[in-house]
Amino acid sequence: MPFHGYQTYYRIVDEAQNGTAPLILLHGGPGSSHNYFEMLDDLAESGLQLIMYDQLGCGRSSAPDQPELWQAETWMDELAELRRYLKLDRVHLLGQSFGGMLAIMYLLERKPKGVQSLILSSTLSSASLWASEQHRMIKYLPANEQAAIATAEQTGNYETPEYLAANEHYMALHAAAPVTAASPEPLRRPKQNGDQAYLTAWGPNEYNPLGNLHNYEYTDRLHELTLPTLITNGTDDLCTPLVAKTMFDQLPNANWHLFQNSRHMPFVEHHDEYVSLLRDWLTQH
C-alpha cells in the first residue's frame, strides 16, 4: 500500500463470509512485525477474514532513516489509510502491546466509524503505570541484575554486557521465551526490527518510556470507549494484572480474560485457548 511516499506491507487471510467484519491485527513494538500474528491464522477456518500488516518502520514495510516519522500520528494515519485503501468499512480491531496503544489512540483521537469490537491484548493505557509496574517486577531479579539496570538508568549507557544480560533475563521472564528450533515457524522467521522506531517513540527498553510516547496517558478517557472490548493478558506478562485491571475498571463495556502462567503473548503460549476465546468473542459481536 502506498503511504507517505513509502510502502506498507499487508497480508490478508481468507475471505469474509456471511457478511462478517474482518479482524485487523495491530502488532507491537513500535517496530516489531506482523509475523507472530500468523499464529492466529486458525481463526480464518471459521469464516473470519484476518488483515495484518507491518507498520511503517519495520518488517516488510519501508523503514527509512527518518526519526521524525516515528510518532503516534504516523501510525494512526497509516491505520486510517489501510482501512480506506482496502475499503474496510466495518472491522474488529485487535491491538497487542503497542498495537493496543495504537488502537486506543486511534479510537479516541480519530473517532472512526465502523469498529464493531476491540481486543486489547497485553497492552496499556498509561505509560507511567507501565513503567512503575516494570520497575516493581525488576525487584524480583537477582541483586546483580537489579544493580546493572539501575546503573544503566543512572548513566544512560544501555550497552554494557551486564545490563544487556539483565534485560535479556527480564524479557525472557515477562515477554517471551528465547526463540529455538522448536519454536513455531512465524517466530523463527527472520524479520527486520524497527529499532529506530522503537527507540524514538518508546525508549531503550520496556521500563523506560523516554521517547515521544512518554506522555501516553489515556486511562482517564477510557470511559469514552463504549464499544464491546475484550482485555487479555497473562499472569507473568509485561502487562501485569494491575495494568489490565486498571483498563477493565475504566471501560464501560469490557470483559477480561487472564491467562495463568503466560507472558506477553498468550496467543503463542496458550494458543488453542486464545483462539477459542477470540472465536467466541468475534462470533458474539
C-alpha atoms as a PDB file:
ATOM      1  CA  MET A   1       0.000   0.000   0.000  1.00  0.00           C
ATOM      2  CA  PRO A   2       1.450   3.411  -0.876  1.00  0.00           C
ATOM      3  CA  PHE A   3       1.759   5.519   2.261  1.00  0.00           C
ATOM      4  CA  HIS A   4       3.551   8.830   2.873  1.00  0.00           C
ATOM      5  CA  GLY A   5       5.694   8.169  -0.195  1.00  0.00           C
ATOM      6  CA  TYR A   6       6.705   4.753   1.158  1.00  0.00           C
ATOM      7  CA  GLN A   7       5.199   1.262   1.155  1.00  0.00           C
ATOM      8  CA  THR A   8       3.183  -0.551   3.825  1.00  0.00           C
ATOM      9  CA  TYR A   9       3.118  -4.347   3.576  1.00  0.00           C
ATOM     10  CA  TYR A  10      -0.174  -6.053   4.394  1.00  0.00           C
ATOM     11  CA  ARG A  11      -1.323  -9.673   4.461  1.00  0.00           C
ATOM     12  CA  ILE A  12      -4.909 -10.898   4.058  1.00  0.00           C
ATOM     13  CA  VAL A  13      -6.000 -14.351   5.206  1.00  0.00           C
ATOM     14  CA  ASP A  14      -9.150 -15.821   3.644  1.00  0.00           C
ATOM     15  CA  GLU A  15     -12.341 -14.018   2.694  1.00  0.00           C
ATOM     16  CA  ALA A  16     -15.076 -12.773   4.980  1.00  0.00           C
ATOM     17  CA  GLN A  17     -18.150 -14.992   4.956  1.00  0.00           C
ATOM     18  CA  ASN A  18     -21.786 -14.229   5.739  1.00  0.00           C
ATOM     19  CA  GLY A  19     -21.098 -10.511   5.910  1.00  0.00           C
ATOM     20  CA  THR A  20     -18.809 -10.791   8.945  1.00  0.00           C
ATOM     21  CA  ALA A  21     -16.466  -7.901   9.594  1.00  0.00           C
ATOM     22  CA  PRO A  22     -12.729  -8.646   9.198  1.00  0.00           C
ATOM     23  CA  LEU A  23     -10.273  -8.523  12.082  1.00  0.00           C
ATOM     24  CA  ILE A  24      -7.401  -6.032  11.738  1.00  0.00           C
ATOM     25  CA  LEU A  25      -4.355  -7.040  13.777  1.00  0.00           C
ATOM     26  CA  LEU A  26      -2.077  -4.285  15.123  1.00  0.00           C
ATOM     27  CA  HIS A  27       1.339  -5.586  16.153  1.00  0.00           C
ATOM     28  CA  GLY A  28       3.573  -4.434  18.953  1.00  0.00           C
ATOM     29  CA  GLY A  29       6.811  -2.541  19.241  1.00  0.00           C
ATOM     30  CA  PRO A  30       6.691   0.029  17.910  1.00  0.00           C
ATOM     31  CA  GLY A  31       8.978  -1.683  15.441  1.00  0.00           C
ATOM     32  CA  SER A  32       8.054  -5.359  15.685  1.00  0.00           C
ATOM     33  CA  SER A  33       6.246  -7.017  12.755  1.00  0.00           C
ATOM     34  CA  HIS A  34       3.114  -8.965  11.892  1.00  0.00           C
ATOM     35  CA  ASN A  35       4.948 -12.332  11.955  1.00  0.00           C
ATOM     36  CA  TYR A  36       3.683 -13.618  15.300  1.00  0.00           C
ATOM     37  CA  PHE A  37       0.093 -12.886  14.299  1.00  0.00           C
ATOM     38  CA  GLU A  38       0.326 -15.701  11.765  1.00  0.00           C
ATOM     39  CA  MET A  39      -0.219 -17.900  14.824  1.00  0.00           C
ATOM     40  CA  LEU A  40      -3.858 -16.742  14.610  1.00  0.00           C
ATOM     41  CA  ASP A  41      -4.439 -17.959  11.044  1.00  0.00           C
ATOM     42  CA  ASP A  42      -6.560 -20.727  12.612  1.00  0.00           C
ATOM     43  CA  LEU A  43      -9.298 -18.142  13.105  1.00  0.00           C
ATOM     44  CA  ALA A  44      -9.815 -17.943   9.345  1.00  0.00           C
ATOM     45  CA  GLU A  45     -11.054 -21.548   9.382  1.00  0.00           C
ATOM     46  CA  SER A  46     -14.312 -20.300  10.908  1.00  0.00           C
ATOM     47  CA  GLY A  47     -15.029 -17.863   8.095  1.00  0.00           C
ATOM     48  CA  LEU A  48     -13.293 -14.846   9.560  1.00  0.00           C
ATOM     49  CA  GLN A  49     -11.040 -12.674   7.432  1.00  0.00           C
ATOM     50  CA  LEU A  50      -7.757 -11.572   9.044  1.00  0.00           C
ATOM     51  CA  ILE A  51      -5.842  -8.489   7.940  1.00  0.00           C
ATOM     52  CA  MET A  52      -2.385  -7.932   9.352  1.00  0.00           C
ATOM     53  CA  TYR A  53       0.329  -5.522   8.314  1.00  0.00           C
ATOM     54  CA  ASP A  54       3.820  -4.331   9.142  1.00  0.00           C
ATOM     55  CA  GLN A  55       3.645  -0.803  10.467  1.00  0.00           C
ATOM     56  CA  LEU A  56       5.891   1.680   8.698  1.00  0.00           C
ATOM     57  CA  GLY A  57       9.423   1.372  10.085  1.00  0.00           C
ATOM     58  CA  CYS A  58       9.713  -2.406  10.360  1.00  0.00           C
ATOM     59  CA  GLY A  59       9.128  -5.802   8.799  1.00  0.00           C
ATOM     60  CA  ARG A  60       8.438  -5.835   5.072  1.00  0.00           C
ATOM     61  CA  SER A  61       7.275  -2.228   5.071  1.00  0.00           C
ATOM     62  CA  SER A  62       9.543   0.715   4.326  1.00  0.00           C
ATOM     63  CA  ALA A  63      11.913   1.671   7.128  1.00  0.00           C
ATOM     64  CA  PRO A  64      13.502   4.997   6.160  1.00  0.00           C
ATOM     65  CA  ASP A  65      16.121   6.683   8.316  1.00  0.00           C
ATOM     66  CA  GLN A  66      13.733   9.423   9.386  1.00  0.00           C
ATOM     67  CA  PRO A  67      13.261   9.630  13.173  1.00  0.00           C
ATOM     68  CA  GLU A  68      10.641  12.354  12.756  1.00  0.00           C
ATOM     69  CA  LEU A  69       8.274   9.753  11.283  1.00  0.00           C
ATOM     70  CA  TRP A  70       8.186   7.598  14.403  1.00  0.00           C
ATOM     71  CA  GLN A  71       5.284   9.132  16.277  1.00  0.00           C
ATOM     72  CA  ALA A  72       1.659   8.305  17.005  1.00  0.00           C
ATOM     73  CA  GLU A  73       0.291  10.484  14.186  1.00  0.00           C
ATOM     74  CA  THR A  74       2.178   8.475  11.545  1.00  0.00           C
ATOM     75  CA  TRP A  75       0.819   5.137  12.711  1.00  0.00           C
ATOM     76  CA  MET A  76      -2.726   6.451  13.199  1.00  0.00           C
ATOM     77  CA  ASP A  77      -2.628   7.892   9.671  1.00  0.00           C
ATOM     78  CA  GLU A  78      -1.390   4.538   8.381  1.00  0.00           C
ATOM     79  CA  LEU A  79      -4.224   2.599  10.015  1.00  0.00           C
ATOM     80  CA  ALA A  80      -6.789   5.050   8.656  1.00  0.00           C
ATOM     81  CA  GLU A  81      -5.261   4.771   5.180  1.00  0.00           C
ATOM     82  CA  LEU A  82      -5.265   0.951   5.333  1.00  0.00           C
ATOM     83  CA  ARG A  83      -8.988   0.985   6.049  1.00  0.00           C
ATOM     84  CA  ARG A  84      -9.600   3.435   3.193  1.00  0.00           C
ATOM     85  CA  TYR A  85      -7.317   1.578   0.761  1.00  0.00           C
ATOM     86  CA  LEU A  86      -8.914  -1.819   1.417  1.00  0.00           C
ATOM     87  CA  LYS A  87     -12.422  -0.367   1.811  1.00  0.00           C
ATOM     88  CA  LEU A  88     -12.821  -1.714   5.337  1.00  0.00           C
ATOM     89  CA  ASP A  89     -15.988  -0.007   6.485  1.00  0.00           C
ATOM     90  CA  ARG A  90     -16.751  -2.475   9.275  1.00  0.00           C
ATOM     91  CA  VAL A  91     -13.943  -4.076  11.286  1.00  0.00           C
ATOM     92  CA  HIS A  92     -12.891  -5.570  14.568  1.00  0.00           C
ATOM     93  CA  LEU A  93      -9.579  -4.293  15.948  1.00  0.00           C
ATOM     94  CA  LEU A  94      -7.036  -6.349  17.900  1.00  0.00           C
ATOM     95  CA  GLY A  95      -4.030  -4.491  19.268  1.00  0.00           C
ATOM     96  CA  GLN A  96      -1.226  -6.335  21.025  1.00  0.00           C
ATOM     97  CA  SER A  97       1.219  -4.370  23.211  1.00  0.00           C
ATOM     98  CA  PHE A  98       1.994  -1.138  21.300  1.00  0.00           C
ATOM     99  CA  GLY A  99      -0.731  -2.172  18.869  1.00  0.00           C
ATOM    100  CA  GLY A 100      -3.232  -1.795  21.697  1.00  0.00           C
ATOM    101  CA  MET A 101      -1.886   1.675  22.431  1.00  0.00           C
ATOM    102  CA  LEU A 102      -2.346   2.483  18.746  1.00  0.00           C
ATOM    103  CA  ALA A 103      -5.930   1.181  18.819  1.00  0.00           C
ATOM    104  CA  ILE A 104      -6.775   3.265  21.892  1.00  0.00           C
ATOM    105  CA  MET A 105      -5.284   6.425  20.393  1.00  0.00           C
ATOM    106  CA  TYR A 106      -6.951   5.820  17.027  1.00  0.00           C
ATOM    107  CA  LEU A 107     -10.371   5.324  18.591  1.00  0.00           C
ATOM    108  CA  LEU A 108     -10.156   8.254  20.997  1.00  0.00           C
ATOM    109  CA  GLU A 109      -8.363  10.775  18.797  1.00  0.00           C
ATOM    110  CA  ARG A 110      -9.808   9.955  15.367  1.00  0.00           C
ATOM    111  CA  LYS A 111     -13.244   8.665  16.478  1.00  0.00           C
ATOM    112  CA  PRO A 112     -13.585   6.379  13.445  1.00  0.00           C
ATOM    113  CA  LYS A 113     -16.842   4.757  12.390  1.00  0.00           C
ATOM    114  CA  GLY A 114     -17.449   1.071  11.844  1.00  0.00           C
ATOM    115  CA  VAL A 115     -15.322  -0.519  14.600  1.00  0.00           C
ATOM    116  CA  GLN A 116     -17.560  -3.276  15.975  1.00  0.00           C
ATOM    117  CA  SER A 117     -15.380  -4.514  18.800  1.00  0.00           C
ATOM    118  CA  LEU A 118     -11.941  -4.068  20.306  1.00  0.00           C
ATOM    119  CA  ILE A 119      -9.486  -6.645  21.664  1.00  0.00           C
ATOM    120  CA  LEU A 120      -6.760  -5.201  23.893  1.00  0.00           C
ATOM    121  CA  SER A 121      -4.107  -7.903  24.127  1.00  0.00           C
ATOM    122  CA  SER A 122      -1.331  -7.412  26.703  1.00  0.00           C
ATOM    123  CA  THR A 123      -1.368  -3.654  26.321  1.00  0.00           C
ATOM    124  CA  LEU A 124      -1.663  -0.467  28.374  1.00  0.00           C
ATOM    125  CA  SER A 125      -3.462   2.821  28.797  1.00  0.00           C
ATOM    126  CA  SER A 126      -0.767   4.569  30.862  1.00  0.00           C
ATOM    127  CA  ALA A 127       2.970   4.788  30.179  1.00  0.00           C
ATOM    128  CA  SER A 128       3.648   5.849  33.769  1.00  0.00           C
ATOM    129  CA  LEU A 129       1.781   2.889  35.289  1.00  0.00           C
ATOM    130  CA  TRP A 130       3.521   0.548  32.834  1.00  0.00           C
ATOM    131  CA  ALA A 131       6.946   1.869  33.856  1.00  0.00           C
ATOM    132  CA  SER A 132       6.038   1.627  37.542  1.00  0.00           C
ATOM    133  CA  GLU A 133       4.928  -1.996  37.208  1.00  0.00           C
ATOM    134  CA  GLN A 134       8.071  -2.965  35.288  1.00  0.00           C
ATOM    135  CA  HIS A 135      10.248  -1.451  38.000  1.00  0.00           C
ATOM    136  CA  ARG A 136       8.250  -3.331  40.628  1.00  0.00           C
ATOM    137  CA  MET A 137       8.952  -6.606  38.833  1.00  0.00           C
ATOM    138  CA  ILE A 138      12.622  -5.739  38.345  1.00  0.00           C
ATOM    139  CA  LYS A 139      12.910  -6.006  42.146  1.00  0.00           C
ATOM    140  CA  TYR A 140      12.425  -9.783  41.795  1.00  0.00           C
ATOM    141  CA  LEU A 141      15.564 -10.137  39.667  1.00  0.00           C
ATOM    142  CA  PRO A 142      18.875 -11.198  41.227  1.00  0.00           C
ATOM    143  CA  ALA A 143      20.629  -8.342  43.017  1.00  0.00           C
ATOM    144  CA  ASN A 144      23.420  -8.063  40.430  1.00  0.00           C
ATOM    145  CA  GLU A 145      20.880  -7.716  37.615  1.00  0.00           C
ATOM    146  CA  GLN A 146      18.945  -5.077  39.523  1.00  0.00           C
ATOM    147  CA  ALA A 147      22.191  -3.185  40.026  1.00  0.00           C
ATOM    148  CA  ALA A 148      23.097  -3.412  36.327  1.00  0.00           C
ATOM    149  CA  ILE A 149      19.709  -1.998  35.313  1.00  0.00           C
ATOM    150  CA  ALA A 150      19.931   0.781  37.907  1.00  0.00           C
ATOM    151  CA  THR A 151      23.412   1.729  36.691  1.00  0.00           C
ATOM    152  CA  ALA A 152      22.214   1.849  33.081  1.00  0.00           C
ATOM    153  CA  GLU A 153      19.342   4.117  34.072  1.00  0.00           C
ATOM    154  CA  GLN A 154      21.661   6.414  36.021  1.00  0.00           C
ATOM    155  CA  THR A 155      24.328   6.674  33.319  1.00  0.00           C
ATOM    156  CA  GLY A 156      22.190   6.366  30.212  1.00  0.00           C
ATOM    157  CA  ASN A 157      24.517   3.625  28.957  1.00  0.00           C
ATOM    158  CA  TYR A 158      22.360   0.711  27.823  1.00  0.00           C
ATOM    159  CA  GLU A 159      25.176  -1.151  26.062  1.00  0.00           C
ATOM    160  CA  THR A 160      27.168  -2.774  28.893  1.00  0.00           C
ATOM    161  CA  PRO A 161      27.284  -6.591  28.939  1.00  0.00           C
ATOM    162  CA  GLU A 162      25.888  -6.597  32.465  1.00  0.00           C
ATOM    163  CA  TYR A 163      22.845  -4.529  31.532  1.00  0.00           C
ATOM    164  CA  LEU A 164      22.208  -6.461  28.316  1.00  0.00           C
ATOM    165  CA  ALA A 165      22.258  -9.769  30.196  1.00  0.00           C
ATOM    166  CA  ALA A 166      19.908  -8.434  32.886  1.00  0.00           C
ATOM    167  CA  ASN A 167      17.473  -7.041  30.346  1.00  0.00           C
ATOM    168  CA  GLU A 168      17.534 -10.278  28.350  1.00  0.00           C
ATOM    169  CA  HIS A 169      16.678 -12.226  31.508  1.00  0.00           C
ATOM    170  CA  TYR A 170      13.869  -9.797  32.351  1.00  0.00           C
ATOM    171  CA  MET A 171      12.356 -10.096  28.884  1.00  0.00           C
ATOM    172  CA  ALA A 172      12.604 -13.887  28.974  1.00  0.00           C
ATOM    173  CA  LEU A 173      10.622 -13.869  32.211  1.00  0.00           C
ATOM    174  CA  HIS A 174       7.888 -11.477  31.111  1.00  0.00           C
ATOM    175  CA  ALA A 175       7.883 -11.080  27.306  1.00  0.00           C
ATOM    176  CA  ALA A 176       8.693 -14.368  25.584  1.00  0.00           C
ATOM    177  CA  ALA A 177      10.979 -17.367  25.727  1.00  0.00           C
ATOM    178  CA  PRO A 178      14.097 -17.242  23.548  1.00  0.00           C
ATOM    179  CA  VAL A 179      13.401 -18.491  20.025  1.00  0.00           C
ATOM    180  CA  THR A 180      14.711 -22.003  19.366  1.00  0.00           C
ATOM    181  CA  ALA A 181      14.499 -24.555  16.565  1.00  0.00           C
ATOM    182  CA  ALA A 182      11.363 -25.888  18.259  1.00  0.00           C
ATOM    183  CA  SER A 183       9.562 -22.528  18.148  1.00  0.00           C
ATOM    184  CA  PRO A 184       6.682 -22.087  15.676  1.00  0.00           C
ATOM    185  CA  GLU A 185       7.852 -21.015  12.230  1.00  0.00           C
ATOM    186  CA  PRO A 186       6.420 -17.466  12.346  1.00  0.00           C
ATOM    187  CA  LEU A 187       8.547 -16.798  15.425  1.00  0.00           C
ATOM    188  CA  ARG A 188      11.694 -18.313  13.887  1.00  0.00           C
ATOM    189  CA  ARG A 189      11.404 -16.426  10.607  1.00  0.00           C
ATOM    190  CA  PRO A 190      13.972 -13.635  10.246  1.00  0.00           C
ATOM    191  CA  LYS A 191      12.460 -10.175  10.366  1.00  0.00           C
ATOM    192  CA  GLN A 192      13.518  -6.571  10.094  1.00  0.00           C
ATOM    193  CA  ASN A 193      13.096  -4.974  13.508  1.00  0.00           C
ATOM    194  CA  GLY A 194      12.346  -1.279  13.651  1.00  0.00           C
ATOM    195  CA  ASP A 195      14.981  -0.375  16.221  1.00  0.00           C
ATOM    196  CA  GLN A 196      14.916   3.320  15.313  1.00  0.00           C
ATOM    197  CA  ALA A 197      11.134   3.425  15.583  1.00  0.00           C
ATOM    198  CA  TYR A 198      11.203   1.734  18.999  1.00  0.00           C
ATOM    199  CA  LEU A 199      13.948   3.917  20.449  1.00  0.00           C
ATOM    200  CA  THR A 200      12.477   7.141  19.067  1.00  0.00           C
ATOM    201  CA  ALA A 201       8.875   6.536  20.053  1.00  0.00           C
ATOM    202  CA  TRP A 202       9.227   4.428  23.219  1.00  0.00           C
ATOM    203  CA  GLY A 203      12.766   4.224  24.587  1.00  0.00           C
ATOM    204  CA  PRO A 204      15.731   1.932  25.281  1.00  0.00           C
ATOM    205  CA  ASN A 205      13.691  -0.813  26.945  1.00  0.00           C
ATOM    206  CA  GLU A 206      10.234  -1.687  28.244  1.00  0.00           C
ATOM    207  CA  TYR A 207      10.635   0.072  31.585  1.00  0.00           C
ATOM    208  CA  ASN A 208      11.999   3.455  30.449  1.00  0.00           C
ATOM    209  CA  PRO A 209       9.494   5.217  28.165  1.00  0.00           C
ATOM    210  CA  LEU A 210      11.801   8.104  27.302  1.00  0.00           C
ATOM    211  CA  GLY A 211      10.619   8.543  23.708  1.00  0.00           C
ATOM    212  CA  ASN A 212       7.883  10.736  22.306  1.00  0.00           C
ATOM    213  CA  LEU A 213       5.210   8.393  23.699  1.00  0.00           C
ATOM    214  CA  HIS A 214       6.373   9.088  27.259  1.00  0.00           C
ATOM    215  CA  ASN A 215       3.235  11.156  27.918  1.00  0.00           C
ATOM    216  CA  TYR A 216       0.878   8.437  26.674  1.00  0.00           C
ATOM    217  CA  GLU A 217      -1.846   8.628  29.345  1.00  0.00           C
ATOM    218  CA  TYR A 218      -5.359   7.555  28.332  1.00  0.00           C
ATOM    219  CA  THR A 219      -6.744   5.827  31.414  1.00  0.00           C
ATOM    220  CA  ASP A 220      -8.972   8.763  32.322  1.00  0.00           C
ATOM    221  CA  ARG A 221     -10.507   8.748  28.820  1.00  0.00           C
ATOM    222  CA  LEU A 222     -11.249   5.036  28.517  1.00  0.00           C
ATOM    223  CA  HIS A 223     -14.833   5.650  29.633  1.00  0.00           C
ATOM    224  CA  GLU A 224     -15.380   7.246  26.212  1.00  0.00           C
ATOM    225  CA  LEU A 225     -14.919   3.832  24.570  1.00  0.00           C
ATOM    226  CA  THR A 226     -18.369   2.275  24.759  1.00  0.00           C
ATOM    227  CA  LEU A 227     -17.830  -0.443  22.147  1.00  0.00           C
ATOM    228  CA  PRO A 228     -17.535  -4.081  23.305  1.00  0.00           C
ATOM    229  CA  THR A 229     -13.949  -4.603  24.491  1.00  0.00           C
ATOM    230  CA  LEU A 230     -12.079  -7.776  25.410  1.00  0.00           C
ATOM    231  CA  ILE A 231      -8.921  -7.451  27.515  1.00  0.00           C
ATOM    232  CA  THR A 232      -6.439 -10.327  27.572  1.00  0.00           C
ATOM    233  CA  ASN A 233      -3.108 -10.735  29.343  1.00  0.00           C
ATOM    234  CA  GLY A 234      -1.019 -13.241  31.292  1.00  0.00           C
ATOM    235  CA  THR A 235      -0.154 -13.531  34.960  1.00  0.00           C
ATOM    236  CA  ASP A 236       3.571 -13.168  34.153  1.00  0.00           C
ATOM    237  CA  ASP A 237       3.062 -10.579  31.421  1.00  0.00           C
ATOM    238  CA  LEU A 238       4.748  -7.210  30.942  1.00  0.00           C
ATOM    239  CA  CYS A 239       1.083  -6.190  31.033  1.00  0.00           C
ATOM    240  CA  THR A 240       0.604  -7.076  34.673  1.00  0.00           C
ATOM    241  CA  PRO A 241      -2.805  -7.900  36.155  1.00  0.00           C
ATOM    242  CA  LEU A 242      -2.836  -4.395  37.684  1.00  0.00           C
ATOM    243  CA  VAL A 243      -2.311  -2.787  34.265  1.00  0.00           C
ATOM    244  CA  ALA A 244      -5.108  -4.920  32.797  1.00  0.00           C
ATOM    245  CA  LYS A 245      -7.479  -4.299  35.714  1.00  0.00           C
ATOM    246  CA  THR A 246      -6.876  -0.555  35.502  1.00  0.00           C
ATOM    247  CA  MET A 247      -8.184  -0.638  31.925  1.00  0.00           C
ATOM    248  CA  PHE A 248     -11.036  -3.011  32.813  1.00  0.00           C
ATOM    249  CA  ASP A 249     -12.214  -0.737  35.623  1.00  0.00           C
ATOM    250  CA  GLN A 250     -12.483   2.272  33.303  1.00  0.00           C
ATOM    251  CA  LEU A 251     -14.041   0.655  30.223  1.00  0.00           C
ATOM    252  CA  PRO A 252     -17.866   0.607  30.427  1.00  0.00           C
ATOM    253  CA  ASN A 253     -18.423  -2.461  28.214  1.00  0.00           C
ATOM    254  CA  ALA A 254     -15.443  -4.753  28.825  1.00  0.00           C
ATOM    255  CA  ASN A 255     -14.641  -8.393  29.531  1.00  0.00           C
ATOM    256  CA  TRP A 256     -11.275  -9.510  30.874  1.00  0.00           C
ATOM    257  CA  HIS A 257      -9.541 -12.873  30.450  1.00  0.00           C
ATOM    258  CA  LEU A 258      -6.356 -13.546  32.441  1.00  0.00           C
ATOM    259  CA  PHE A 259      -4.179 -16.433  31.219  1.00  0.00           C
ATOM    260  CA  GLN A 260      -2.435 -18.292  34.017  1.00  0.00           C
ATOM    261  CA  ASN A 261       1.327 -18.865  33.619  1.00  0.00           C
ATOM    262  CA  SER A 262       1.551 -16.775  30.470  1.00  0.00           C
ATOM    263  CA  ARG A 263       3.864 -13.983  29.407  1.00  0.00           C
ATOM    264  CA  HIS A 264       3.335 -11.252  26.801  1.00  0.00           C
ATOM    265  CA  MET A 265       1.966 -13.478  24.025  1.00  0.00           C
ATOM    266  CA  PRO A 266      -0.816 -15.738  25.319  1.00  0.00           C
ATOM    267  CA  PHE A 267      -1.790 -16.431  21.704  1.00  0.00           C
ATOM    268  CA  VAL A 268       1.506 -18.345  21.450  1.00  0.00           C
ATOM    269  CA  GLU A 269       1.791 -19.907  24.907  1.00  0.00           C
ATOM    270  CA  HIS A 270      -1.923 -20.737  25.247  1.00  0.00           C
ATOM    271  CA  HIS A 271      -2.689 -20.875  21.560  1.00  0.00           C
ATOM    272  CA  ASP A 272      -5.773 -23.108  21.474  1.00  0.00           C
ATOM    273  CA  GLU A 273      -7.393 -21.399  24.453  1.00  0.00           C
ATOM    274  CA  TYR A 274      -6.706 -17.960  22.981  1.00  0.00           C
ATOM    275  CA  VAL A 275      -8.080 -18.858  19.544  1.00  0.00           C
ATOM    276  CA  SER A 276     -11.211 -20.373  21.114  1.00  0.00           C
ATOM    277  CA  LEU A 277     -11.737 -17.267  23.249  1.00  0.00           C
ATOM    278  CA  LEU A 278     -11.301 -14.980  20.248  1.00  0.00           C
ATOM    279  CA  ARG A 279     -13.537 -17.056  18.009  1.00  0.00           C
ATOM    280  CA  ASP A 280     -16.339 -16.968  20.584  1.00  0.00           C
ATOM    281  CA  TRP A 281     -15.888 -13.224  21.099  1.00  0.00           C
ATOM    282  CA  LEU A 282     -15.974 -12.377  17.408  1.00  0.00           C
ATOM    283  CA  THR A 283     -18.967 -14.653  16.810  1.00  0.00           C
ATOM    284  CA  GLN A 284     -20.833 -12.943  19.645  1.00  0.00           C
ATOM    285  CA  HIS A 285     -20.028  -9.457  18.354  1.00  0.00           C
END
